[in-house]
Protein backbone atom coordinates (compact mmCIF):
# COMPACT_ATOMS: atom_id res chain seq x y z
CA MET A 1 69.37 131.52 110.29
CA PHE A 2 70.23 133.91 113.07
CA GLY A 3 67.74 135.95 115.04
CA ILE A 4 68.75 139.27 113.51
CA GLU A 5 68.20 137.88 110.02
CA ARG A 6 64.72 136.73 110.98
CA ARG A 7 63.94 140.13 112.46
CA MET A 8 65.18 141.91 109.34
CA GLY A 9 62.99 139.62 107.22
CA THR A 10 60.02 140.75 109.29
CA TYR A 11 60.94 144.39 108.80
CA LYS A 12 61.50 143.95 105.07
CA GLY A 13 57.93 142.69 104.88
CA TYR A 14 56.77 146.06 106.22
CA VAL A 15 58.23 147.97 103.26
CA ARG A 16 55.57 149.83 101.27
CA ASN A 17 57.69 152.43 99.52
CA TYR A 18 60.45 150.61 97.65
CA ALA A 19 62.07 153.94 96.72
CA ARG A 20 62.89 154.53 100.41
CA PRO A 21 62.89 151.13 102.16
CA ASP A 22 65.00 152.36 105.09
CA GLY A 23 62.32 154.89 106.08
CA SER A 24 59.58 152.26 105.90
CA ILE A 25 61.62 149.86 108.02
CA ALA A 26 62.36 152.55 110.61
CA GLU A 27 58.69 153.54 110.76
CA ALA A 28 57.59 149.91 111.14
CA TYR A 29 60.14 149.37 113.90
CA VAL A 30 58.88 152.41 115.85
CA VAL A 31 55.25 151.31 115.44
CA ASP A 32 56.08 147.77 116.56
CA GLU A 33 57.93 149.00 119.64
CA ALA A 34 55.13 151.45 120.51
CA ILE A 35 52.47 148.73 120.30
CA THR A 36 54.57 146.42 122.46
CA PHE A 37 55.18 149.14 125.05
CA LEU A 38 51.57 150.29 125.21
CA SER A 39 50.16 146.77 125.39
CA ARG A 40 52.01 146.24 128.67
CA TYR A 41 50.38 149.21 130.37
CA LEU A 42 46.98 149.51 128.70
CA THR A 43 45.40 146.16 129.49
CA ASP A 44 41.84 147.16 128.56
CA ILE A 45 42.78 147.92 124.92
CA GLU A 46 42.87 144.99 122.53
CA THR A 47 46.19 144.58 120.73
CA ARG A 48 47.69 141.68 118.85
CA PHE A 49 49.27 140.52 122.11
CA THR A 50 46.13 140.71 124.27
CA ARG A 51 43.37 139.56 121.92
CA PRO A 52 42.06 136.00 122.37
CA GLU A 53 43.15 133.26 120.03
CA ARG A 54 41.18 132.69 116.85
CA ASN A 55 39.64 129.40 117.92
CA TRP A 56 39.04 130.31 121.55
CA ASP A 57 35.49 129.40 122.48
CA LEU A 58 34.05 130.65 125.74
CA SER A 59 31.57 128.16 127.13
CA SER A 60 29.54 128.68 130.26
CA GLU A 61 29.34 124.99 131.12
CA ASP A 62 31.26 123.99 134.20
CA TYR A 63 32.38 120.38 134.05
CA LYS A 64 33.33 118.41 137.12
CA MET A 65 36.15 116.48 135.44
CA ASP A 66 39.18 118.39 134.29
CA VAL A 67 39.52 116.36 131.09
CA PHE A 68 36.22 117.77 129.75
CA ASN A 69 36.85 121.37 130.81
CA HIS A 70 38.82 122.49 127.73
CA LYS A 71 37.29 125.38 125.80
CA ILE A 72 37.73 124.64 122.10
CA ARG A 73 35.96 125.04 118.78
CA THR A 74 36.60 122.50 116.07
CA LEU A 75 37.50 123.61 112.57
CA GLY A 76 35.63 122.47 109.49
CA ALA A 77 32.54 120.36 109.06
CA PRO A 78 32.03 117.43 111.43
CA LYS A 79 32.80 113.98 110.10
CA PHE A 80 30.97 111.05 111.62
CA GLY A 81 32.13 107.49 111.41
CA ASN A 82 32.51 104.26 113.32
CA LEU A 83 35.96 103.73 114.80
CA GLY A 84 35.42 100.04 115.55
CA LEU A 85 38.32 98.58 117.50
CA ASP A 86 40.23 101.86 117.32
CA GLY A 87 37.39 103.48 119.24
CA ASN A 88 37.97 101.11 122.15
CA VAL A 89 41.66 101.97 122.16
CA VAL A 90 40.89 105.70 122.12
CA GLN A 91 38.37 105.34 124.95
CA TRP A 92 40.84 103.34 127.01
CA TYR A 93 43.61 105.87 126.43
CA LEU A 94 41.41 108.82 127.42
CA LEU A 95 40.01 107.15 130.52
CA ASN A 96 43.38 105.83 131.64
CA ASN A 97 45.20 109.16 131.20
CA CYS A 98 42.69 111.74 132.36
CA GLY A 99 44.32 112.35 135.71
CA SER A 100 43.37 111.56 139.25
CA GLU A 101 39.61 111.97 138.76
CA LEU A 102 39.14 108.32 137.77
CA ASP A 103 41.62 106.66 140.12
CA ASP A 104 38.86 105.45 142.44
CA TYR A 105 36.89 103.95 139.54
CA ILE A 106 39.97 102.26 138.10
CA LYS A 107 40.82 100.79 141.49
CA GLU A 108 37.23 99.57 141.97
CA HIS A 109 37.18 97.91 138.54
CA LYS A 110 40.52 96.19 139.13
CA GLU A 111 39.28 94.84 142.46
CA LEU A 112 36.15 93.53 140.74
CA ILE A 113 38.28 91.77 138.12
CA CYS A 114 40.51 90.26 140.80
CA LEU A 115 37.45 88.76 142.48
CA THR A 116 35.90 87.35 139.30
CA SER A 117 38.93 86.18 137.32
CA SER A 118 41.28 83.48 138.53
CA ARG A 119 44.22 84.10 136.19
CA ALA A 120 46.34 87.01 137.38
CA GLN A 121 48.16 87.24 134.03
CA GLU A 122 44.95 88.31 132.26
CA TRP A 123 43.81 90.98 134.73
CA ASP A 124 45.37 93.89 132.84
CA ASN A 125 44.02 92.72 129.48
CA ILE A 126 40.52 92.25 130.92
CA HIS A 127 40.70 95.65 132.58
CA LYS A 128 41.81 97.33 129.36
CA ARG A 129 39.09 95.61 127.33
CA GLU A 130 36.14 96.00 129.72
CA PHE A 131 36.80 99.24 131.65
CA PRO A 132 35.30 101.72 129.11
CA ALA A 133 31.99 99.83 128.94
CA TRP A 134 31.92 99.32 132.72
CA PHE A 135 32.61 102.99 133.34
CA LYS A 136 29.90 104.01 130.87
CA LYS A 137 27.34 101.95 132.84
CA LYS A 138 28.60 103.40 136.12
């Protein structure tokens, strides 16, 4: 589907008077263009382009780590459950991919493993398995 066909589908949705659809489409087009034009220059007025998203939650807490600094609101009722082994995988993924904030801790834990374990082939597996619990204690 081409862009013009999509745009015409939008305008056809604006039709209220089916006896004169061309007038309704022209009126909707003018209103749409006026709102777009005015929203660029009148920043203090809330329009569909400037209003915050539906699930945008403004929190006043200031977290030190960037991974926890996202302002969100969950949808629906909370569901609690035990993830078991999947929980360890999720914790490892989050801690390993949260940016440069944890690089020093990861390096420290790897050095600790290198000192305590003799087999170099198992260092990564031990680190992956034990790092979330070690970091939680830290």
